[in-house]
Protein backbone atom coordinates (compact mmCIF):
# COMPACT_ATOMS: atom_id res chain seq x y z
CA UNK A 1 19.63 7.40 10.82
CA UNK A 2 19.96 11.40 10.65
CA UNK A 3 22.36 11.17 13.03
CA UNK A 4 24.64 8.95 10.43
CA UNK A 5 23.94 10.76 7.41
CA UNK A 6 24.86 14.17 9.45
CA UNK A 7 28.03 12.61 9.90
CA UNK A 8 28.84 11.80 6.34
CA UNK A 9 27.62 15.10 5.32
CA UNK A 10 30.40 16.86 7.25
CA UNK A 11 32.58 15.19 4.62
CA UNK A 12 30.86 16.07 1.46
CA UNK A 13 31.63 19.27 -0.60
CA UNK A 14 28.78 21.60 -1.75
CA UNK A 15 28.41 23.55 -5.06
CA UNK A 16 26.14 21.78 -7.65
CA UNK A 17 26.95 23.09 -11.56
CA UNK A 18 24.64 23.02 -14.55
CA UNK A 19 26.14 21.56 -18.02
CA UNK A 20 25.30 22.72 -21.35
CA UNK A 21 22.51 21.13 -23.71
CA UNK A 22 20.29 18.74 -21.91
CA UNK A 23 19.22 20.23 -18.63
CA UNK A 24 21.06 18.78 -15.83
CA UNK A 25 22.21 19.36 -12.39
CA UNK A 26 24.95 17.15 -11.62
CA UNK A 27 24.38 13.52 -12.88
CA UNK A 28 20.66 14.53 -12.66
CA UNK A 29 18.58 15.20 -15.90
CA UNK A 30 15.71 17.22 -15.64
CA UNK A 31 13.32 16.47 -18.64
CA UNK A 32 11.14 19.42 -17.94
CA UNK A 33 8.13 21.19 -15.66
CA UNK A 34 5.43 18.88 -17.47
CA UNK A 35 7.12 15.80 -15.86
CA UNK A 36 6.85 14.29 -12.10
CA UNK A 37 9.96 12.93 -12.30
CA UNK A 38 13.90 13.59 -12.42
CA UNK A 39 16.44 10.95 -13.67
CA UNK A 40 19.68 10.03 -11.96
CA UNK A 41 21.92 8.97 -15.10
CA UNK A 42 25.69 8.18 -14.32
CA UNK A 43 27.88 8.13 -11.05
CA UNK A 44 26.76 8.79 -7.86
CA UNK A 45 29.30 10.94 -6.03
CA UNK A 46 30.17 12.86 -3.05
CA UNK A 47 28.25 16.09 -4.59
CA UNK A 48 24.93 14.03 -5.84
CA UNK A 49 22.72 14.35 -2.39
CA UNK A 50 23.25 18.29 -2.47
CA UNK A 51 22.30 18.01 -6.51
CA UNK A 52 19.27 16.19 -5.62
CA UNK A 53 18.12 18.92 -3.14
CA UNK A 54 18.71 21.47 -5.92
CA UNK A 55 16.66 19.55 -8.38
CA UNK A 56 13.98 19.29 -5.87
CA UNK A 57 13.97 22.80 -5.03
CA UNK A 58 13.69 24.10 -8.70
CA UNK A 59 11.04 20.93 -9.63
CA UNK A 60 8.72 20.92 -6.36
CA UNK A 61 6.59 18.54 -8.33
CA UNK A 62 8.90 15.70 -8.85
CA UNK A 63 7.62 12.74 -7.01
CA UNK A 64 9.94 9.93 -8.56
CA UNK A 65 13.45 9.20 -9.36
CA UNK A 66 14.18 7.13 -12.44
CA UNK A 67 17.55 5.39 -11.63
CA UNK A 68 20.08 4.54 -14.36
CA UNK A 69 23.77 4.21 -12.40
CA UNK A 70 26.60 1.86 -12.42
CA UNK A 71 27.09 3.11 -8.60
CA UNK A 72 29.85 5.33 -7.48
CA UNK A 73 30.45 6.70 -4.01
CA UNK A 74 28.83 4.93 -0.69
CA UNK A 75 28.82 8.01 1.05
CA UNK A 76 27.32 10.13 -1.61
CA UNK A 77 24.69 7.23 -2.16
CA UNK A 78 23.72 6.59 1.57
CA UNK A 79 23.08 10.39 1.75
CA UNK A 80 21.24 10.46 -1.36
CA UNK A 81 19.04 7.55 -0.09
CA UNK A 82 18.17 9.11 3.04
CA UNK A 83 16.81 12.07 1.14
CA UNK A 84 14.67 9.71 -0.74
CA UNK A 85 13.27 8.36 2.03
CA UNK A 86 12.77 11.24 4.18
CA UNK A 87 10.89 13.08 1.29
CA UNK A 88 8.80 9.86 0.28
CA UNK A 89 10.30 9.94 -3.49
CA UNK A 90 9.29 7.13 -5.39
CA UNK A 91 12.03 5.29 -7.38
CA UNK A 92 11.85 3.27 -10.87
CA UNK A 93 14.47 1.47 -13.02
CA UNK A 94 13.13 1.41 -16.68
CA UNK A 95 13.45 -1.61 -19.06
CA UNK A 96 17.18 -2.12 -20.35
CA UNK A 97 18.39 0.31 -17.57
CA UNK A 98 20.55 -0.70 -14.53
CA UNK A 99 20.96 0.23 -11.15
CA UNK A 100 23.79 -1.02 -9.58
CA UNK A 101 26.28 -1.44 -6.86
CA UNK A 102 25.46 1.52 -4.31
CA UNK A 103 22.86 2.92 -6.49
CA UNK A 104 20.89 -0.18 -5.01
CA UNK A 105 20.61 2.04 -1.94
CA UNK A 106 18.68 4.94 -4.00
CA UNK A 107 16.13 2.39 -5.33
CA UNK A 108 15.42 0.57 -2.01
CA UNK A 109 14.90 3.95 0.04
CA UNK A 110 11.86 4.43 -2.12
CA UNK A 111 8.50 5.52 -0.94
CA UNK A 112 7.10 3.17 -3.93
CA UNK A 113 9.51 1.62 -5.89
CA UNK A 114 9.28 -0.37 -9.35
CA UNK A 115 12.31 -2.55 -11.02
CA UNK A 116 11.79 -3.02 -14.86
CA UNK A 117 15.56 -3.22 -15.56
CA UNK A 118 18.70 -4.80 -13.74
CA UNK A 119 18.95 -4.19 -9.88
CA UNK A 120 22.47 -5.48 -8.87
CA UNK A 121 24.36 -5.67 -5.80
CA UNK A 122 27.45 -6.88 -4.18
CA UNK A 123 29.56 -6.49 -0.88
CA UNK A 124 29.55 -3.29 0.58
CA UNK A 125 33.10 -2.59 0.23
CA UNK A 126 34.30 -0.66 3.40
CA UNK A 127 38.16 -0.21 2.50
CA UNK A 128 37.94 2.98 0.34
CA UNK A 129 38.61 6.31 1.53
CA UNK A 130 35.23 7.94 1.83
CA UNK A 131 33.26 8.43 4.78
CA UNK A 132 31.33 5.62 4.71
CA UNK A 133 34.25 3.41 5.45
CA UNK A 134 34.18 4.94 9.01
CA UNK A 135 30.59 3.55 9.33
CA UNK A 136 30.13 -0.26 10.94
CA UNK A 137 28.39 -2.62 8.63
CA UNK A 138 25.69 -3.20 11.28
CA UNK A 139 24.80 0.63 10.76
CA UNK A 140 25.04 0.32 7.15
CA UNK A 141 22.35 -2.76 7.73
CA UNK A 142 20.34 -1.04 9.75
CA UNK A 143 19.81 1.76 7.18
CA UNK A 144 19.04 -0.40 4.65
CA UNK A 145 16.38 -2.29 7.37
CA UNK A 146 14.77 1.12 7.73
CA UNK A 147 13.83 1.36 4.16
CA UNK A 148 12.23 -1.98 4.69
CA UNK A 149 14.99 -3.90 2.72
CA UNK A 150 14.20 -7.65 2.64
CA UNK A 151 16.81 -9.62 4.93
CA UNK A 152 17.57 -11.87 2.05
CA UNK A 153 18.59 -8.85 0.01
CA UNK A 154 20.96 -7.59 2.57
CA UNK A 155 22.58 -11.35 2.90
CA UNK A 156 22.83 -11.17 -1.08
CA UNK A 157 25.13 -8.00 -0.83
CA UNK A 158 27.27 -9.93 1.95
CA UNK A 159 27.41 -13.00 -0.02
CA UNK A 160 28.71 -11.55 -3.54
CA UNK A 161 32.16 -10.52 -4.05
CA UNK A 162 32.65 -6.54 -4.27
CA UNK A 163 34.66 -7.41 -7.77
CA UNK A 164 31.18 -9.39 -9.15
CA UNK A 165 27.39 -8.47 -9.44
CA UNK A 166 24.21 -10.38 -8.43
CA UNK A 167 21.34 -8.91 -10.50
CA UNK A 168 17.93 -9.79 -9.45
CA UNK A 169 15.86 -12.17 -12.00
CA UNK A 170 11.87 -11.50 -12.16
CA UNK A 171 11.43 -14.36 -9.82
CA UNK A 172 13.63 -13.01 -7.22
CA UNK A 173 12.23 -9.42 -7.70
CA UNK A 174 8.52 -11.03 -7.48
CA UNK A 175 9.31 -13.35 -4.11
CA UNK A 176 10.97 -10.77 -2.11
CA UNK A 177 8.75 -7.98 -2.95
CA UNK A 178 11.19 -5.70 -4.44
CA UNK A 179 8.49 -3.83 -6.12
CA UNK A 180 6.70 -1.98 -3.35
CA UNK A 181 3.50 -0.22 -4.52
CA UNK A 182 4.14 0.07 -8.01
CA UNK A 183 0.71 1.56 -9.04
CA UNK A 184 1.96 4.58 -7.64
CA UNK A 185 4.21 4.92 -10.27
CA UNK A 186 1.70 4.62 -13.18
CA UNK A 187 1.96 8.50 -13.99
CA UNK A 188 5.56 8.29 -14.22
CA UNK A 189 5.46 5.39 -16.55
CA UNK A 190 3.20 7.11 -18.56
CA UNK A 191 5.35 10.09 -18.84
CA UNK A 192 8.52 8.14 -19.36
CA UNK A 193 7.29 6.89 -22.95
CA UNK A 194 7.15 10.68 -23.92
CA UNK A 195 11.01 11.24 -23.37
CA UNK A 196 13.05 12.29 -26.35
CA UNK A 197 15.56 10.05 -27.89
CA UNK A 198 18.40 12.14 -26.81
CA UNK A 199 17.30 12.26 -23.14
CA UNK A 200 16.94 8.32 -23.41
CA UNK A 201 20.66 8.44 -25.16
CA UNK A 202 21.85 10.71 -22.41
CA UNK A 203 20.56 8.22 -19.64
CA UNK A 204 22.60 5.15 -20.63
CA UNK A 205 25.28 4.82 -18.78
CA UNK A 206 26.44 1.49 -19.88
CA UNK A 207 25.92 1.53 -23.85
CA UNK A 208 26.28 -1.86 -25.16
CA UNK A 209 27.23 -3.62 -22.01
CA UNK A 210 25.90 -6.27 -20.07
CA UNK A 211 25.33 -6.64 -16.15
CA UNK A 212 27.73 -8.60 -14.68
CA UNK A 213 26.95 -11.73 -12.87
CA UNK A 214 27.64 -13.20 -9.66
CA UNK A 215 30.83 -14.86 -11.40
CA UNK A 216 34.24 -13.31 -10.11
CA UNK A 217 35.64 -10.50 -12.56
CA UNK A 218 38.92 -11.17 -14.11
CA UNK A 219 40.10 -7.99 -13.32
CA UNK A 220 42.39 -6.99 -9.95
CA UNK A 221 40.14 -6.88 -6.76
CA UNK A 222 39.91 -5.12 -3.93
CA UNK A 223 41.44 -6.76 -0.85
CA UNK A 224 39.35 -8.77 1.06
CA UNK A 225 36.65 -8.28 -1.55
CA UNK A 226 35.52 -12.24 -1.74
CA UNK A 227 32.96 -13.22 0.73
CA UNK A 228 34.53 -14.30 4.12
CA UNK A 229 32.89 -15.81 6.95
CA UNK A 230 34.26 -15.00 10.53
CA UNK A 231 34.73 -17.20 13.43
CA UNK A 232 34.75 -15.68 17.06
CA UNK A 233 35.46 -18.21 20.05
CA UNK A 234 34.16 -17.29 23.29
CA UNK A 235 31.20 -14.60 21.84
CA UNK A 236 27.99 -14.79 21.91
CA UNK A 237 25.65 -12.65 19.40
CA UNK A 238 22.41 -11.92 21.37
CA UNK A 239 19.38 -11.28 19.74
CA UNK A 240 18.29 -10.89 16.05
CA UNK A 241 17.18 -14.59 15.80
CA UNK A 242 15.47 -15.93 12.63
CA UNK A 243 15.88 -19.59 13.03
CA UNK A 244 16.59 -22.18 16.31
CA UNK A 245 18.00 -25.69 15.46
CA UNK A 246 19.82 -28.48 16.97
CA UNK A 247 23.25 -29.01 15.83
CA UNK A 248 25.85 -31.21 16.96
CA UNK A 249 28.92 -29.41 15.98
CA UNK A 250 30.20 -26.12 14.64
CA UNK A 251 30.49 -27.27 11.16
CA UNK A 252 26.85 -28.05 11.05
CA UNK A 253 25.72 -24.79 12.48
CA UNK A 254 27.86 -23.31 10.06
CA UNK A 255 26.63 -25.04 7.02
CA UNK A 256 23.18 -24.06 8.11
CA UNK A 257 23.88 -20.25 7.77
CA UNK A 258 25.68 -20.44 4.72
CA UNK A 259 22.43 -22.53 3.13
CA UNK A 260 19.96 -20.14 4.59
CA UNK A 261 19.80 -16.69 2.25
CA UNK A 262 18.48 -14.63 5.22
CA UNK A 263 21.20 -15.78 7.40
CA UNK A 264 24.01 -13.18 8.00
CA UNK A 265 25.42 -14.40 11.25
CA UNK A 266 24.87 -17.64 13.84
CA UNK A 267 25.95 -18.58 17.41
CA UNK A 268 26.11 -22.04 18.48
CA UNK A 269 26.34 -22.91 22.56
CA UNK A 270 28.45 -25.88 22.89
CA UNK A 271 27.82 -26.16 26.79
CA UNK A 272 27.79 -29.97 27.63
CA UNK A 273 25.32 -29.46 30.14
CA UNK A 274 22.62 -28.56 27.43
CA UNK A 275 21.76 -31.90 25.91
CA UNK A 276 18.81 -31.17 24.09
CA UNK A 277 16.81 -28.33 22.22
CA UNK A 278 17.88 -25.66 20.21
CA UNK A 279 21.86 -24.96 20.44
CA UNK A 280 22.00 -23.38 16.63
CA UNK A 281 20.88 -19.67 16.44
CA UNK A 282 20.79 -18.35 12.74
CA UNK A 283 20.71 -14.51 12.83
CA UNK A 284 19.90 -11.74 10.57
CA UNK A 285 22.88 -9.88 12.14
CA UNK A 286 25.02 -9.52 15.15
CA UNK A 287 22.64 -8.27 17.47
CA UNK A 288 24.31 -7.35 20.79
CA UNK A 289 28.06 -9.18 21.37
CA UNK A 290 28.74 -10.16 24.70
CA UNK A 291 31.56 -12.77 26.13
CA UNK A 292 30.39 -16.47 27.06
CA UNK A 293 32.75 -19.02 26.98
CA UNK A 294 30.68 -22.09 25.80
CA UNK A 295 29.42 -20.16 22.52
CA UNK A 296 31.31 -19.88 18.86
CA UNK A 297 29.93 -17.32 16.51
CA UNK A 298 30.30 -16.25 13.29
CA UNK A 299 29.28 -13.65 10.67
CA UNK A 300 29.36 -12.80 7.02
CA UNK A 301 32.24 -10.08 6.64
CA UNK A 302 31.63 -6.72 4.36
CA UNK A 303 34.39 -6.44 2.14
CA UNK A 304 37.33 -4.51 3.45
CA UNK A 305 36.35 -5.19 7.15
CA UNK A 306 38.77 -7.00 8.96
CA UNK A 307 36.35 -8.61 11.39
CA UNK A 308 37.88 -6.71 14.39
CA UNK A 309 34.68 -6.07 17.05
CA UNK A 310 34.45 -3.96 19.78
CA UNK A 311 33.18 -5.97 22.85
CA UNK A 312 32.81 -3.89 25.59
CA UNK A 313 35.29 -1.80 24.88
CA UNK A 314 37.82 -4.36 24.14
CA UNK A 315 38.93 -5.25 20.63
CA UNK A 316 38.14 -8.77 19.66
CA UNK A 317 39.64 -10.18 16.75
CA UNK A 318 38.30 -13.07 14.71
CA UNK A 319 39.58 -16.41 15.68
CA UNK A 320 39.66 -18.02 12.20
CA UNK A 321 38.38 -16.10 8.89
CA UNK A 322 37.01 -18.75 6.48
CA UNK A 323 36.74 -17.85 2.47
CA UNK A 324 33.93 -18.85 0.80
CA UNK A 325 35.04 -18.93 -2.75
């Protein structure tokens, strides 16, 4: 993962700056030396990782990053998340505040993490101009897995249009274990209650708004932003199995994957010589791609990704791309 973030770092500019009034470093609020946390309040930019390093250099006692952001640059978010992960920083979303879109990467990187607000996710959008657009979707998924992200959360990202937002409800937070070692944040919670109103006001990046739902937005959406499922004939996704079942048709195997919230990809073996036993393999990812004449595979596509795969040095296009809306 450090190789991934090193590539990203090459395209990000450096040069943090402070603003007047409340002590800030870019989008970060520093409430004072008596607090064990800093606050991310606002857009995550390409500058955010370097700003966070500067915050930690000036306040080495910081143990937690409090999050209030609607997202921003994927490249900046991945680098910020890596910094959080490598330094063992905790993450916290307070009640009535939100951490949505790429901000979720920062939350999921926390050593201990607690969501009491609105954690929202949607499709990775790989079609923008930042450095993250050059990263394979499988690499981003591997980064999330390194943070201990539940597979169902990754699948939810892939299944929610980039023009919408899935906000996890309390039942999902509990069932998926999104809160991790929350008692480690007891000191932060106590100190957070001592913040002055001006700091709380500065944290609110979405005054008067409500979290988006999984219903598609009414505005214009990025190209290829809706959930899509790509089919590849003659290609086997080897490994990453989460279930093995018997299916008589490609359609049956495809539907099993769509119905399973942990499934991101599937392969069905239609070799007529295999008359019994599992032949439909539900997967958490594509795994290793290999040509096999009797196999048909499929996978959810990240937004902005055309589905063209590199298989043994050859470019393989999807046989079909199925919209799921």
